[in-house]
């Protein structure tokens, strides 16, 4: 039987010995670890690699843990985060619980740390169960796109005349992103990152093939996609109100 992959925990802690001890205990508990002693190191690593959880100190030599989370968000890197810090000030704790998933103060017990990491990982996994693509969840509301009704819950597209067809996950993600950014010129890279994720190795040609599938589906059911245009050399635009000159 194939074993479950070990979750990767990024430990961002500038006290080298403490970081090493944390890593040793987590690895004994069935996890993988990556130690980063600086925020910049963690940012660089997470831009290039997937990790399951971030164990983050607030006070770091180059910037605060809060600033690091802001930079990760700006880089479209979403990761469950537990603050592990000696900072016991209530305002920081409240902020940490608002922007992260848990807040543990030093000193701490190794058993409690592992238990709370596992609890956050379980919640994160449950949350991901609802994701169809990176930008669409099964709980999203239906929406109209060029005369057809898109239903994320059922992964369906309903055309006039009661013709209902199944919609692929990536096609759904593309339509949802376009619908949420009406009138904006969207680069191919932005569209790929929104649907597949920032670390996805997806070529523009692959994206174009999904676009062709959508166009063919609409043509087969007599609907026009004139409001959805290619912007040569850049990407696409969905402009149902005709407000853009692109």
Protein backbone atom coordinates (compact mmCIF):
# COMPACT_ATOMS: atom_id res chain seq x y z
CA UNK A 1 0.00 0.00 0.00
CA UNK A 2 1.26 3.44 -0.92
CA UNK A 3 1.97 5.57 2.16
CA UNK A 4 0.56 9.06 2.56
CA UNK A 5 3.03 11.84 1.72
CA UNK A 6 4.51 13.59 4.72
CA UNK A 7 3.35 17.21 5.15
CA UNK A 8 6.06 19.81 4.61
CA UNK A 9 6.31 22.38 7.41
CA UNK A 10 8.33 25.56 6.84
CA UNK A 11 9.87 26.64 10.15
CA UNK A 12 10.72 30.36 10.13
CA UNK A 13 12.77 30.95 13.26
CA UNK A 14 15.98 33.00 13.63
CA UNK A 15 17.22 31.09 16.71
CA UNK A 16 19.11 28.36 14.90
CA UNK A 17 19.22 25.85 17.76
CA UNK A 18 15.52 26.23 18.54
CA UNK A 19 14.63 25.86 14.85
CA UNK A 20 16.71 22.68 14.69
CA UNK A 21 15.04 21.21 17.79
CA UNK A 22 11.58 22.00 16.42
CA UNK A 23 12.48 20.38 13.10
CA UNK A 24 13.82 17.24 14.80
CA UNK A 25 10.63 16.79 16.83
CA UNK A 26 8.33 17.42 13.85
CA UNK A 27 10.25 14.93 11.72
CA UNK A 28 9.96 12.33 14.50
CA UNK A 29 6.22 12.96 14.36
CA UNK A 30 6.03 12.08 10.66
CA UNK A 31 6.52 15.47 9.01
CA UNK A 32 9.09 17.03 6.69
CA UNK A 33 10.64 20.38 7.53
CA UNK A 34 12.37 23.28 5.85
CA UNK A 35 14.14 25.72 8.16
CA UNK A 36 14.36 29.40 7.21
CA UNK A 37 16.20 31.75 9.57
CA UNK A 38 15.16 34.87 7.67
CA UNK A 39 11.86 36.09 6.23
CA UNK A 40 13.49 36.66 2.83
CA UNK A 41 14.59 33.03 2.70
CA UNK A 42 11.05 31.84 3.50
CA UNK A 43 9.55 34.14 0.86
CA UNK A 44 11.95 32.90 -1.80
CA UNK A 45 11.35 29.24 -0.88
CA UNK A 46 7.54 29.50 -0.85
CA UNK A 47 7.42 31.31 -4.18
CA UNK A 48 9.10 28.28 -5.75
CA UNK A 49 7.86 25.37 -3.65
CA UNK A 50 4.61 24.04 -2.21
CA UNK A 51 4.42 23.58 1.55
CA UNK A 52 1.56 22.45 3.78
CA UNK A 53 2.05 24.83 6.69
CA UNK A 54 4.11 27.81 7.83
CA UNK A 55 5.37 27.88 11.43
CA UNK A 56 6.24 31.54 11.85
CA UNK A 57 7.94 33.70 14.46
CA UNK A 58 6.83 37.33 14.63
CA UNK A 59 10.23 38.85 15.40
CA UNK A 60 12.77 38.13 12.66
CA UNK A 61 16.06 39.89 11.84
CA UNK A 62 15.00 41.26 8.44
CA UNK A 63 11.29 41.94 8.94
CA UNK A 64 8.30 40.88 11.03
CA UNK A 65 6.32 37.72 10.49
CA UNK A 66 3.27 39.89 9.78
CA UNK A 67 5.14 41.64 6.95
CA UNK A 68 6.17 38.27 5.53
CA UNK A 69 2.53 37.15 5.40
CA UNK A 70 1.61 40.35 3.55
CA UNK A 71 4.34 39.72 0.98
CA UNK A 72 3.23 36.11 0.53
CA UNK A 73 -0.33 37.29 -0.05
CA UNK A 74 0.87 39.86 -2.60
CA UNK A 75 2.76 37.05 -4.36
CA UNK A 76 -0.44 34.94 -4.41
CA UNK A 77 1.05 32.34 -2.08
CA UNK A 78 -1.62 30.99 0.28
CA UNK A 79 -0.46 28.75 3.11
CA UNK A 80 -1.93 27.83 6.53
CA UNK A 81 0.06 29.67 9.20
CA UNK A 82 0.71 29.13 12.90
CA UNK A 83 2.55 31.87 14.77
CA UNK A 84 5.11 30.42 17.19
CA UNK A 85 6.53 33.32 19.14
CA UNK A 86 7.67 34.69 22.46
CA UNK A 87 5.48 37.74 21.92
CA UNK A 88 2.65 37.51 24.46
CA UNK A 89 1.17 41.00 23.89
CA UNK A 90 -2.58 40.71 23.40
CA UNK A 91 -2.76 43.05 20.34
CA UNK A 92 -0.18 40.92 18.51
CA UNK A 93 -1.96 37.72 19.53
CA UNK A 94 -5.29 39.04 18.25
CA UNK A 95 -3.68 40.17 15.01
CA UNK A 96 -1.97 36.80 14.63
CA UNK A 97 -5.24 34.93 15.08
CA UNK A 98 -6.92 37.21 12.53
CA UNK A 99 -4.30 36.83 9.79
CA UNK A 100 -3.14 33.30 10.64
CA UNK A 101 -4.68 30.03 11.77
CA UNK A 102 -3.29 29.69 15.32
CA UNK A 103 -0.99 31.45 17.79
CA UNK A 104 1.35 29.59 20.16
CA UNK A 105 3.56 31.34 22.68
CA UNK A 106 6.96 30.20 23.92
CA UNK A 107 7.69 28.16 25.94
CA UNK A 108 5.53 25.40 24.48
CA UNK A 109 5.28 21.63 24.71
CA UNK A 110 6.30 19.61 21.68
CA UNK A 111 3.22 17.41 22.01
CA UNK A 112 0.90 20.43 21.96
CA UNK A 113 2.75 21.90 18.96
CA UNK A 114 2.29 18.71 16.94
CA UNK A 115 -1.37 18.45 17.95
CA UNK A 116 -2.11 22.02 16.91
CA UNK A 117 -0.23 21.64 13.61
CA UNK A 118 -2.29 18.53 12.83
CA UNK A 119 -5.51 20.39 13.71
CA UNK A 120 -4.70 23.23 11.28
CA UNK A 121 -3.70 20.73 8.57
CA UNK A 122 -7.04 18.94 8.96
CA UNK A 123 -8.96 22.22 8.65
CA UNK A 124 -6.93 23.19 5.60
CA UNK A 125 -7.59 19.84 3.94
CA UNK A 126 -11.31 20.14 4.63
CA UNK A 127 -11.30 23.64 3.12
CA UNK A 128 -9.52 22.40 -0.01
CA UNK A 129 -12.14 19.67 -0.46
CA UNK A 130 -14.54 22.38 -1.66
CA UNK A 131 -12.15 23.76 -4.26
CA UNK A 132 -12.86 23.02 -7.90
CA UNK A 133 -9.90 25.10 -9.07
CA UNK A 134 -7.72 27.56 -7.21
CA UNK A 135 -10.27 30.35 -7.75
CA UNK A 136 -13.58 28.43 -7.65
CA UNK A 137 -15.30 26.58 -4.80
CA UNK A 138 -18.26 24.23 -4.94
CA UNK A 139 -20.11 26.66 -2.68
CA UNK A 140 -19.86 29.58 -5.16
CA UNK A 141 -23.11 31.03 -6.51
CA UNK A 142 -24.22 30.41 -10.12
CA UNK A 143 -23.60 33.23 -12.59
CA UNK A 144 -24.55 34.19 -16.13
CA UNK A 145 -21.90 34.21 -18.84
CA UNK A 146 -22.96 35.38 -22.30
CA UNK A 147 -26.46 33.96 -22.03
CA UNK A 148 -25.63 30.67 -20.35
CA UNK A 149 -25.99 29.87 -16.65
CA UNK A 150 -22.83 28.56 -14.97
CA UNK A 151 -23.41 26.35 -11.92
CA UNK A 152 -20.22 25.66 -9.89
CA UNK A 153 -22.03 23.34 -7.46
CA UNK A 154 -22.97 20.91 -10.23
CA UNK A 155 -20.10 21.67 -12.62
CA UNK A 156 -22.69 22.41 -15.28
CA UNK A 157 -23.51 25.03 -17.89
CA UNK A 158 -27.18 25.53 -18.83
CA UNK A 159 -27.99 26.95 -22.28
CA UNK A 160 -31.32 28.45 -23.46
CA UNK A 161 -33.79 25.70 -24.34
CA UNK A 162 -32.86 23.70 -21.22
CA UNK A 163 -29.74 22.14 -22.70
CA UNK A 164 -27.45 21.33 -19.77
CA UNK A 165 -23.86 20.21 -20.29
CA UNK A 166 -21.08 19.21 -17.94
CA UNK A 167 -18.33 21.80 -17.60
CA UNK A 168 -14.69 20.91 -17.03
CA UNK A 169 -13.03 22.22 -13.89
CA UNK A 170 -10.50 24.37 -15.74
CA UNK A 171 -13.13 25.78 -18.09
CA UNK A 172 -15.21 26.69 -15.04
CA UNK A 173 -12.21 28.38 -13.42
CA UNK A 174 -11.51 30.40 -16.57
CA UNK A 175 -15.12 31.57 -16.96
CA UNK A 176 -15.36 32.46 -13.27
CA UNK A 177 -12.19 34.54 -13.36
CA UNK A 178 -13.26 36.37 -16.52
CA UNK A 179 -16.69 37.06 -15.02
CA UNK A 180 -15.09 38.50 -11.87
CA UNK A 181 -12.82 40.82 -13.93
CA UNK A 182 -15.22 42.25 -16.48
CA UNK A 183 -13.81 45.04 -18.63
CA UNK A 184 -10.21 44.31 -17.63
CA UNK A 185 -7.43 43.18 -19.94
CA UNK A 186 -6.21 39.91 -18.43
CA UNK A 187 -2.79 38.52 -19.27
CA UNK A 188 -2.45 34.83 -20.02
CA UNK A 189 -0.13 34.49 -17.02
CA UNK A 190 -2.66 36.08 -14.65
CA UNK A 191 -5.38 33.75 -15.92
CA UNK A 192 -3.16 30.67 -15.58
CA UNK A 193 -2.10 31.65 -12.05
CA UNK A 194 -5.69 32.30 -10.99
CA UNK A 195 -6.99 28.93 -12.16
CA UNK A 196 -4.01 26.55 -11.85
CA UNK A 197 -2.02 28.35 -9.14
CA UNK A 198 1.07 30.50 -9.11
CA UNK A 199 3.44 27.50 -9.15
CA UNK A 200 1.73 25.69 -12.02
CA UNK A 201 3.82 24.86 -15.07
CA UNK A 202 1.11 25.55 -17.67
CA UNK A 203 1.90 26.91 -21.12
CA UNK A 204 -0.13 29.55 -22.95
CA UNK A 205 -0.92 26.99 -25.65
CA UNK A 206 -2.62 24.76 -23.07
CA UNK A 207 -4.70 27.69 -21.85
CA UNK A 208 -5.70 28.53 -25.42
CA UNK A 209 -6.93 24.95 -25.91
CA UNK A 210 -9.32 25.32 -22.97
CA UNK A 211 -10.52 28.63 -24.41
CA UNK A 212 -11.23 26.90 -27.74
CA UNK A 213 -13.32 24.27 -25.91
CA UNK A 214 -15.42 27.02 -24.36
CA UNK A 215 -15.88 28.80 -27.69
CA UNK A 216 -16.90 25.55 -29.42
CA UNK A 217 -19.42 24.78 -26.67
CA UNK A 218 -21.11 28.16 -27.10
CA UNK A 219 -21.11 27.88 -30.90
CA UNK A 220 -22.75 24.45 -30.71
CA UNK A 221 -25.63 25.97 -28.73
CA UNK A 222 -26.08 29.09 -30.83
CA UNK A 223 -24.67 31.65 -28.39
CA UNK A 224 -22.23 34.42 -29.24
CA UNK A 225 -19.00 35.04 -27.34
CA UNK A 226 -18.35 38.39 -29.00
CA UNK A 227 -17.94 40.00 -25.56
CA UNK A 228 -15.02 37.66 -24.91
CA UNK A 229 -12.11 38.79 -27.06
CA UNK A 230 -8.45 38.00 -27.54
CA UNK A 231 -6.08 40.89 -26.92
CA UNK A 232 -3.23 39.98 -29.24
CA UNK A 233 0.15 39.66 -27.59
CA UNK A 234 -1.35 40.07 -24.10
CA UNK A 235 -4.28 37.82 -23.29
CA UNK A 236 -8.04 38.23 -23.13
CA UNK A 237 -10.86 40.54 -22.12
CA UNK A 238 -14.47 39.84 -21.19
CA UNK A 239 -16.39 43.07 -21.81
CA UNK A 240 -20.17 42.42 -21.89
CA UNK A 241 -20.97 46.10 -21.26
CA UNK A 242 -18.74 47.31 -24.11
CA UNK A 243 -16.86 49.76 -21.92
CA UNK A 244 -13.31 48.86 -22.95
CA UNK A 245 -11.42 50.03 -26.05
CA UNK A 246 -8.94 47.15 -25.91
